[in-house]
Structures are given as structure tokens and as C-alpha cells.
Amino acid sequence: MDDTVAEYIRRTVLKIPRDEIKMMLQKWGFLSEAQLQTLNFHQMKDKISQEVVQLCEENSADIKQAAVLDIIYNHIYQNKRIWSVYQMKKSAEELEYFDIIDFKKKFKRRLRSALKNVTITFKEYEDNAIWIRVAWGTPYKKPNQYKPSYVVYHSQTPYVFVSASVLKSNMPLLCQALIVASNYHDIREMELRSHSLNSLKDIVFKRYSQNFQTYTTKPLQGGNVEPENADIRIVQENRREKERIHRLNEEVFGSGPQPKLEFAQYRLETIFKSDPKMDVLDKKEPFRCLVKFSSPHLLESLKSLAPAGMADAPLSPLLTCIPHKARNYFKIREKKGLFPEGFVSP
């Protein structure tokens, strides 16, 4: 076994919490059950990693087997990475039979035609998700196994989730390989990012939907003790206002937890309106801006604005429509001219 492969396996094992090493090695399936029985999982992790490497040497492990172990680790600890969403598009909407073998062949052939020094590894999961690990090299250097790109593609959908390496110059190659392998003709970043891969899936697969029905609200309990000499009319008005905000918030966001989204942005183009007599604007040039949102938990932060008194209720559709804008990304991008109506919540 190559020394580079041995060191990579050792470092991968060291990343795994000691109580989970056995479980991940079993999921890996490269070592036999008899070999796993020889390992003492109660000793120091460094010693465990060295013994795992020795067993892998007996089995003549190569970088592809090591990469599968790395995929298993990243699948379990997917929140350690930052994920971006890409959407692909076809010229026609007809459904096609998906062949995983054909997909893999096309992906590898396309990528390797542009870059010879690259390691490509696939692993399929039960939810129709194909995990792809790509370690990038250069025409003169071997692939760097410590800075790979991870791609999660759900077959029969136009959505791809990418956690890219620091080499952004490789993204066009990766995108080209994806659209060729999946028989699409275009791909665009949806400008949504998060550590929570499952939350991004909830948004684009519509497993998360904002509520637009009226709830029967109950008076808020606790936390508000009115002074004895307070005017009863003021107290009642404050209570009604808080109940109104609570009701409107539930109508927009629902009562359940929000998907964990950390970054969103979209481009806005509109025209200023002013009194013709004032002649403030000589030309009717559109105003363009890039709106960016960033937070450890963006949707929950937006949900808390009105109750905290930092925004009026209901919130502007420019804030509450973010998940919808993600799903309607191509429709917005393809509109010609001005499209302020594109930023109204559906």
C-alpha cells in the first residue's frame, strides 16, 4: 500500500470519534469482521489508527477505498461542511430513465478529459442520493486528497448540492461533468448556502412549506406582568398587539422549526418613482442592487424580528419569500426587463 494512502487512512480514522470508529469501519466494509475483532477500540485513537492502517496494508487498500471511508465520514458529519445548491435545467420536461452506471461513466469521462490528475469516487445511499468525492490535481501534481469537493446528486431531480474545495477554478469543470452525466444543458448556483444539507434539501424539495392559513391563537402566557396601576386599556391593547404579531408570524412561518439556512442572496431591479414636477430623476434608469442575508440560522432570525419589536408584522415579502425564491430561481433569472413582481411572496 502506498505511503500516501496509509497516511490518509490514518488521518481519516483520527477524525472519527473513538466511540464511532467501529461503526464507521463496519459501514466501510473494506475490513472483514474477523479483522475488526482484532482491534482494541478502547485504546488511544492514534494506536487504533495505526492498527487500522496495518490491516488495510494486508488488504492492499488503494486511494479509492480510502476515499469511500472519507465519504462515509462526511455523510455522517455533513454539517461540518458548507453546502451550496445548484439547479440544472433541460430544454424539455420529459422524464428519462436514470442509469447510475451510465451516469458514472459520463461523469468520469468528462472530468478526466479535462484533467488527468483527479480522483473520483462514488457512493450510493438509500434515498436515491449519489455522493461524489472529487480530489483535484494539476497537470503536474497528483490529486490533493485533503481538499476534495463533495457532490450530492439526487437522481431524477435537477438539484445538486456541492461542498467545494478551495480551488474555485475547478467548479466549471465539475459543473460541466454534472450536466453531461445527467443529460441537462444548463446549471446555475441558487445562491443559498448552509452547513445543514438536510435543511437545503427541505427547501428545494418542498419538504418545507410556509403556512398561509389563519390559526386560532391562545393568549400568550407568562413573561408579561402588568403593573398594578397600569391603565387596563393599555394592557389590553398591548396584549392584542402581541397576539396579532404571534398570529401573523404563524401564518407566514408556521409553528414548527425552520430549515437551517445560513446564507441567501438575490438580485433586485426596480425603478424609482418620483413626482414629475420635482424632476429628481432625468432618466428612468432602473435601480439594481444585490441583497444578501447571512445568519447562523437565517429563517429563525427572520421569524424572531416581529416578536422582538425589530420589524413590523407582517414582515415584508422580500424577507418571507426567500425559500420560494430559491425554488423559483430560474423563473426569476429568465425574466426579461424589470421584474419587481418576482419578489412578491406567492
Protein backbone atom coordinates (compact mmCIF):
# COMPACT_ATOMS: atom_id res chain seq x y z
CA MET A 1 0.00 0.00 0.00
CA ASP A 2 1.25 3.45 -0.92
CA ASP A 3 2.53 5.59 1.99
CA THR A 4 0.24 8.42 0.89
CA VAL A 5 -2.79 6.14 1.12
CA ALA A 6 -1.69 4.84 4.53
CA GLU A 7 -1.32 8.35 5.91
CA TYR A 8 -4.68 9.42 4.53
CA ILE A 9 -6.45 6.44 6.11
CA ARG A 10 -4.70 7.15 9.42
CA ARG A 11 -5.80 10.80 9.41
CA THR A 12 -9.36 9.87 8.46
CA VAL A 13 -9.59 7.44 11.39
CA LEU A 14 -8.22 10.11 13.72
CA LYS A 15 -11.09 12.45 12.73
CA ILE A 16 -13.70 9.93 13.84
CA PRO A 17 -14.86 10.00 17.48
CA ARG A 18 -13.44 6.92 19.17
CA ASP A 19 -16.88 5.54 20.09
CA GLU A 20 -17.88 5.60 16.41
CA ILE A 21 -14.75 4.17 14.78
CA LYS A 22 -16.02 0.58 14.83
CA MET A 23 -19.40 1.59 13.42
CA MET A 24 -17.83 3.55 10.53
CA LEU A 25 -15.39 0.77 9.72
CA GLN A 26 -18.32 -1.66 9.56
CA LYS A 27 -20.17 0.70 7.21
CA TRP A 28 -16.98 0.91 5.14
CA GLY A 29 -16.96 -2.85 4.69
CA PHE A 30 -13.35 -2.99 3.50
CA LEU A 31 -12.10 -4.86 6.57
CA SER A 32 -13.58 -8.25 7.41
CA GLU A 33 -15.43 -8.88 10.65
CA ALA A 34 -12.56 -11.11 11.76
CA GLN A 35 -10.09 -8.26 11.21
CA LEU A 36 -12.30 -5.84 13.15
CA GLN A 37 -12.36 -8.29 16.07
CA THR A 38 -8.59 -7.92 16.41
CA LEU A 39 -8.85 -4.18 17.04
CA ASN A 40 -8.94 -2.78 20.56
CA PHE A 41 -11.28 0.23 20.31
CA HIS A 42 -10.66 1.26 23.93
CA GLN A 43 -7.05 2.31 23.41
CA MET A 44 -5.73 5.68 22.26
CA LYS A 45 -7.03 6.79 18.85
CA ASP A 46 -3.52 7.12 17.46
CA LYS A 47 -2.87 3.46 18.26
CA ILE A 48 -6.21 2.44 16.74
CA SER A 49 -5.41 4.35 13.54
CA GLN A 50 -2.04 2.62 13.21
CA GLU A 51 -3.62 -0.82 13.64
CA VAL A 52 -6.30 0.03 11.04
CA VAL A 53 -3.56 1.04 8.60
CA GLN A 54 -1.78 -2.30 9.17
CA LEU A 55 -4.98 -4.21 8.40
CA CYS A 56 -5.52 -2.09 5.28
CA GLU A 57 -2.00 -2.95 4.14
CA GLU A 58 -2.91 -6.64 4.40
CA ASN A 59 -5.86 -5.97 2.10
CA SER A 60 -3.79 -3.80 -0.28
CA ALA A 61 -6.00 -0.73 0.07
CA ASP A 62 -5.75 1.99 -2.55
CA ILE A 63 -6.86 5.62 -2.60
CA LYS A 64 -10.35 4.76 -3.89
CA GLN A 65 -11.08 2.55 -0.88
CA ALA A 66 -9.71 5.27 1.40
CA ALA A 67 -11.94 7.83 -0.32
CA VAL A 68 -15.04 5.71 0.39
CA LEU A 69 -14.24 5.83 4.11
CA ASP A 70 -13.93 9.60 3.80
CA ILE A 71 -17.35 9.82 2.11
CA ILE A 72 -18.90 7.78 4.94
CA TYR A 73 -17.42 10.19 7.48
CA ASN A 74 -18.67 13.26 5.61
CA HIS A 75 -22.11 11.71 5.12
CA ILE A 76 -22.47 11.27 8.89
CA TYR A 77 -20.84 14.62 9.73
CA GLN A 78 -22.17 16.56 6.76
CA ASN A 79 -22.81 19.66 8.90
CA LYS A 80 -19.07 20.22 9.21
CA ARG A 81 -19.02 21.45 5.63
CA ILE A 82 -20.65 24.43 3.89
CA TRP A 83 -23.05 23.35 1.15
CA SER A 84 -24.27 25.31 -1.87
CA VAL A 85 -27.26 24.47 -4.06
CA TYR A 86 -27.08 24.27 -7.84
CA GLN A 87 -30.04 23.79 -10.17
CA MET A 88 -29.81 22.19 -13.59
CA LYS A 89 -32.22 22.66 -16.47
CA LYS A 90 -33.35 20.76 -19.53
CA SER A 91 -34.78 22.12 -22.76
CA ALA A 92 -37.70 19.69 -22.46
CA GLU A 93 -39.58 18.40 -19.43
CA GLU A 94 -39.86 14.77 -20.48
CA LEU A 95 -38.80 12.18 -17.91
CA GLU A 96 -35.90 9.92 -18.75
CA TYR A 97 -34.81 6.63 -17.27
CA PHE A 98 -31.84 7.20 -14.96
CA ASP A 99 -28.97 4.76 -15.33
CA ILE A 100 -26.45 5.06 -12.49
CA ILE A 101 -23.77 3.15 -14.39
CA ASP A 102 -24.13 5.44 -17.41
CA PHE A 103 -24.07 8.49 -15.10
CA LYS A 104 -20.79 7.41 -13.51
CA LYS A 105 -19.15 6.66 -16.87
CA LYS A 106 -20.12 10.02 -18.38
CA PHE A 107 -19.10 11.94 -15.27
CA LYS A 108 -15.65 10.36 -15.08
CA ARG A 109 -15.05 10.57 -18.84
CA ARG A 110 -15.96 14.26 -18.99
CA LEU A 111 -13.89 15.24 -15.96
CA ARG A 112 -10.84 13.22 -16.93
CA SER A 113 -10.89 14.55 -20.47
CA ALA A 114 -10.22 18.00 -18.98
CA LEU A 115 -7.96 16.99 -16.10
CA LYS A 116 -5.98 13.77 -15.92
CA ASN A 117 -4.83 14.01 -12.30
CA VAL A 118 -8.14 13.62 -10.50
CA THR A 119 -9.58 11.03 -8.11
CA ILE A 120 -13.31 10.35 -8.50
CA THR A 121 -15.23 8.20 -6.01
CA PHE A 122 -18.96 7.39 -5.85
CA LYS A 123 -21.16 6.02 -3.11
CA GLU A 124 -24.91 5.46 -3.34
CA TYR A 125 -27.35 5.85 -0.46
CA GLU A 126 -30.89 4.59 0.09
CA ASP A 127 -32.61 7.95 -0.51
CA ASN A 128 -31.52 7.98 -4.19
CA ALA A 129 -28.60 10.22 -3.25
CA ILE A 130 -25.33 9.74 -5.09
CA TRP A 131 -22.35 11.07 -3.17
CA ILE A 132 -19.40 12.02 -5.35
CA ARG A 133 -15.96 12.84 -4.00
CA VAL A 134 -13.51 14.58 -6.31
CA ALA A 135 -9.90 15.15 -5.30
CA TRP A 136 -8.25 17.65 -7.62
CA GLY A 137 -4.73 17.68 -9.00
CA THR A 138 -2.98 19.70 -11.69
CA PRO A 139 -1.32 18.67 -14.95
CA TYR A 140 1.89 18.28 -12.95
CA LYS A 141 0.73 17.31 -9.45
CA LYS A 142 -1.17 14.37 -8.00
CA PRO A 143 -4.65 14.98 -6.55
CA ASN A 144 -4.74 16.63 -3.14
CA GLN A 145 -6.79 14.21 -1.06
CA TYR A 146 -7.15 16.69 1.80
CA LYS A 147 -9.05 19.33 -0.18
CA PRO A 148 -11.67 17.44 -2.21
CA SER A 149 -15.05 18.55 -3.47
CA TYR A 150 -18.18 16.71 -2.38
CA VAL A 151 -21.27 16.50 -4.58
CA VAL A 152 -24.66 15.12 -3.58
CA TYR A 153 -26.98 14.46 -6.50
CA HIS A 154 -30.49 13.06 -6.18
CA SER A 155 -31.38 11.17 -9.35
CA GLN A 156 -34.46 12.29 -11.26
CA THR A 157 -34.17 15.83 -9.80
CA PRO A 158 -32.45 18.94 -11.17
CA TYR A 159 -30.78 19.76 -7.84
CA VAL A 160 -27.14 19.29 -6.89
CA PHE A 161 -25.58 20.08 -3.52
CA VAL A 162 -21.89 20.94 -3.61
CA SER A 163 -19.29 21.45 -0.93
CA ALA A 164 -16.40 22.70 -2.99
CA SER A 165 -12.70 22.68 -2.38
CA VAL A 166 -10.75 25.93 -2.13
CA LEU A 167 -9.89 25.63 -5.82
CA LYS A 168 -12.80 27.60 -7.28
CA SER A 169 -11.25 27.35 -10.74
CA ASN A 170 -12.32 23.69 -10.78
CA MET A 171 -16.05 24.47 -10.40
CA PRO A 172 -16.67 24.97 -14.16
CA LEU A 173 -15.17 21.51 -14.81
CA LEU A 174 -17.33 19.98 -12.12
CA CYS A 175 -20.48 21.66 -13.43
CA GLN A 176 -19.79 20.54 -16.99
CA ALA A 177 -19.33 16.94 -15.85
CA LEU A 178 -22.63 17.08 -13.92
CA ILE A 179 -24.78 18.38 -16.77
CA VAL A 180 -23.24 15.97 -19.28
CA ALA A 181 -23.68 12.95 -16.99
CA SER A 182 -27.26 13.82 -16.03
CA ASN A 183 -28.35 14.93 -19.55
CA TYR A 184 -29.07 18.55 -18.67
CA HIS A 185 -27.92 21.57 -20.64
CA ASP A 186 -27.52 24.33 -18.05
CA ILE A 187 -26.59 24.73 -14.39
CA ARG A 188 -26.70 27.74 -12.09
CA GLU A 189 -25.89 28.36 -8.44
CA MET A 190 -29.05 29.14 -6.48
CA GLU A 191 -27.19 31.46 -4.09
CA LEU A 192 -28.21 29.56 -0.96
CA ARG A 193 -25.63 28.21 1.46
CA SER A 194 -25.77 26.39 4.76
CA HIS A 195 -23.94 23.88 6.95
CA SER A 196 -27.22 21.95 7.13
CA LEU A 197 -27.52 19.87 3.98
CA ASN A 198 -30.89 18.46 5.09
CA SER A 199 -32.34 21.96 5.50
CA LEU A 200 -31.32 22.89 1.95
CA LYS A 201 -32.98 19.70 0.73
CA ASP A 202 -36.14 20.57 2.67
CA ILE A 203 -36.32 23.92 0.87
CA VAL A 204 -35.68 22.84 -2.73
CA PHE A 205 -37.62 19.57 -2.48
CA LYS A 206 -40.57 21.45 -0.93
CA ARG A 207 -40.50 19.29 2.17
CA TYR A 208 -40.70 22.61 3.98
CA SER A 209 -43.67 24.86 3.22
CA GLN A 210 -44.63 28.11 4.81
CA ASN A 211 -48.16 28.23 6.21
CA PHE A 212 -50.75 30.62 4.84
CA GLN A 213 -53.78 29.76 6.94
CA THR A 214 -55.23 31.53 9.93
CA TYR A 215 -54.61 29.94 13.29
CA THR A 216 -56.84 30.21 16.35
CA THR A 217 -54.39 31.72 18.76
CA LYS A 218 -54.31 31.45 22.50
CA PRO A 219 -53.39 34.33 24.78
CA LEU A 220 -49.67 34.39 25.41
CA GLN A 221 -48.79 33.08 28.83
CA GLY A 222 -46.09 34.29 31.21
CA GLY A 223 -43.31 36.80 30.85
CA ASN A 224 -45.62 39.84 30.97
CA VAL A 225 -46.52 41.15 34.41
CA GLU A 226 -48.51 44.36 34.22
CA PRO A 227 -48.06 46.98 36.93
CA GLU A 228 -50.97 47.18 39.35
CA ASN A 229 -51.67 50.78 38.45
CA ALA A 230 -51.43 50.25 34.68
CA ASP A 231 -54.28 51.54 32.56
CA ILE A 232 -56.39 48.49 31.69
CA ARG A 233 -56.90 49.81 28.16
CA ILE A 234 -53.13 49.97 27.54
CA VAL A 235 -52.68 46.47 28.93
CA GLN A 236 -55.41 45.08 26.68
CA GLU A 237 -54.03 46.90 23.64
CA ASN A 238 -50.53 45.54 24.26
CA ARG A 239 -51.90 42.02 24.68
CA ARG A 240 -53.93 42.27 21.47
CA GLU A 241 -50.91 43.57 19.58
CA LYS A 242 -48.72 40.70 20.78
CA GLU A 243 -51.40 38.19 19.86
CA ARG A 244 -51.70 39.79 16.41
CA ILE A 245 -47.94 39.54 15.85
CA HIS A 246 -47.95 35.94 17.06
CA ARG A 247 -50.81 35.05 14.68
CA LEU A 248 -49.23 36.76 11.66
CA ASN A 249 -45.89 35.12 12.39
CA GLU A 250 -47.50 31.68 12.44
CA GLU A 251 -49.37 32.40 9.21
CA VAL A 252 -46.09 33.17 7.47
CA PHE A 253 -43.60 30.82 9.13
CA GLY A 254 -45.82 28.16 10.69
CA SER A 255 -45.46 26.84 14.21
CA GLY A 256 -42.70 24.30 13.56
CA PRO A 257 -38.92 24.76 13.39
CA GLN A 258 -37.45 26.39 10.29
CA PRO A 259 -34.88 24.81 7.94
CA LYS A 260 -31.40 25.90 8.94
CA LEU A 261 -30.36 28.30 6.18
CA GLU A 262 -27.23 30.41 6.70
CA PHE A 263 -26.86 32.43 3.51
CA ALA A 264 -29.17 33.71 0.80
CA GLN A 265 -28.97 36.42 -1.82
CA TYR A 266 -30.89 37.66 -4.84
CA ARG A 267 -30.69 40.50 -7.33
CA LEU A 268 -33.34 43.21 -7.28
CA GLU A 269 -34.12 45.53 -10.17
CA THR A 270 -36.77 48.21 -9.92
CA ILE A 271 -37.48 51.84 -10.85
CA PHE A 272 -37.67 54.82 -8.51
CA LYS A 273 -40.95 56.71 -8.61
CA SER A 274 -40.94 60.46 -8.04
CA ASP A 275 -43.17 63.46 -8.64
CA PRO A 276 -42.68 64.62 -12.27
CA LYS A 277 -42.80 68.24 -11.08
CA MET A 278 -39.78 67.70 -8.83
CA ASP A 279 -37.75 66.36 -11.77
CA VAL A 280 -35.43 64.42 -9.45
CA LEU A 281 -34.68 61.69 -11.97
CA ASP A 282 -33.95 62.87 -15.51
CA LYS A 283 -33.77 59.33 -16.84
CA LYS A 284 -35.89 56.36 -15.90
CA GLU A 285 -32.91 54.16 -15.23
CA PRO A 286 -33.62 51.05 -13.16
CA PHE A 287 -32.08 50.72 -9.74
CA ARG A 288 -30.15 47.48 -9.30
CA CYS A 289 -28.85 46.00 -6.09
CA LEU A 290 -27.67 42.69 -4.66
CA VAL A 291 -29.49 41.76 -1.46
CA LYS A 292 -27.55 39.45 0.86
CA PHE A 293 -28.69 37.73 4.03
CA SER A 294 -26.35 35.93 6.42
CA SER A 295 -27.01 34.40 9.84
CA PRO A 296 -26.23 31.22 11.82
CA HIS A 297 -29.97 30.42 11.43
CA LEU A 298 -31.40 32.82 8.87
CA LEU A 299 -35.08 31.80 8.77
CA GLU A 300 -35.39 31.59 12.56
CA SER A 301 -33.76 35.04 12.77
CA LEU A 302 -36.34 36.47 10.36
CA LYS A 303 -39.12 34.76 12.30
CA SER A 304 -37.99 36.45 15.53
CA LEU A 305 -37.86 40.02 14.12
CA ALA A 306 -41.51 40.95 14.69
CA PRO A 307 -41.89 39.41 18.19
CA ALA A 308 -38.68 41.19 19.23
CA GLY A 309 -40.08 44.52 18.06
CA MET A 310 -37.36 44.95 15.43
CA ALA A 311 -39.79 44.89 12.46
CA ASP A 312 -43.46 45.44 11.78
CA ALA A 313 -45.79 42.47 11.34
CA PRO A 314 -46.35 41.02 8.86
CA LEU A 315 -42.81 41.02 7.53
CA SER A 316 -42.11 42.27 4.03
CA PRO A 317 -42.46 39.60 1.31
CA LEU A 318 -38.86 40.44 0.40
CA LEU A 319 -37.90 38.60 3.60
CA THR A 320 -40.52 35.88 3.86
CA CYS A 321 -40.24 34.72 0.24
CA ILE A 322 -36.61 33.55 0.46
CA PRO A 323 -37.41 29.80 0.34
CA HIS A 324 -39.80 30.41 -2.57
CA LYS A 325 -37.18 32.45 -4.43
CA ALA A 326 -34.83 29.51 -4.12
CA ARG A 327 -37.30 27.17 -5.79
CA ASN A 328 -38.23 29.70 -8.49
CA TYR A 329 -34.64 30.69 -9.23
CA PHE A 330 -34.65 30.04 -12.97
CA LYS A 331 -38.01 31.71 -13.49
CA ILE A 332 -36.61 34.89 -11.97
CA ARG A 333 -33.34 34.73 -13.88
CA GLU A 334 -35.09 34.21 -17.22
CA LYS A 335 -37.44 37.16 -16.95
CA LYS A 336 -36.52 39.97 -19.29
CA GLY A 337 -36.70 43.61 -18.33
CA LEU A 338 -37.84 44.63 -14.86
CA PHE A 339 -39.32 42.13 -12.51
CA PRO A 340 -40.31 43.65 -9.17
CA GLU A 341 -43.34 41.35 -9.20
CA GLY A 342 -40.93 38.45 -8.94
CA PHE A 343 -40.23 39.42 -5.37
CA VAL A 344 -43.76 39.13 -4.07
CA SER A 345 -44.46 36.06 -1.97
CA PRO A 346 -46.53 33.51 -3.94
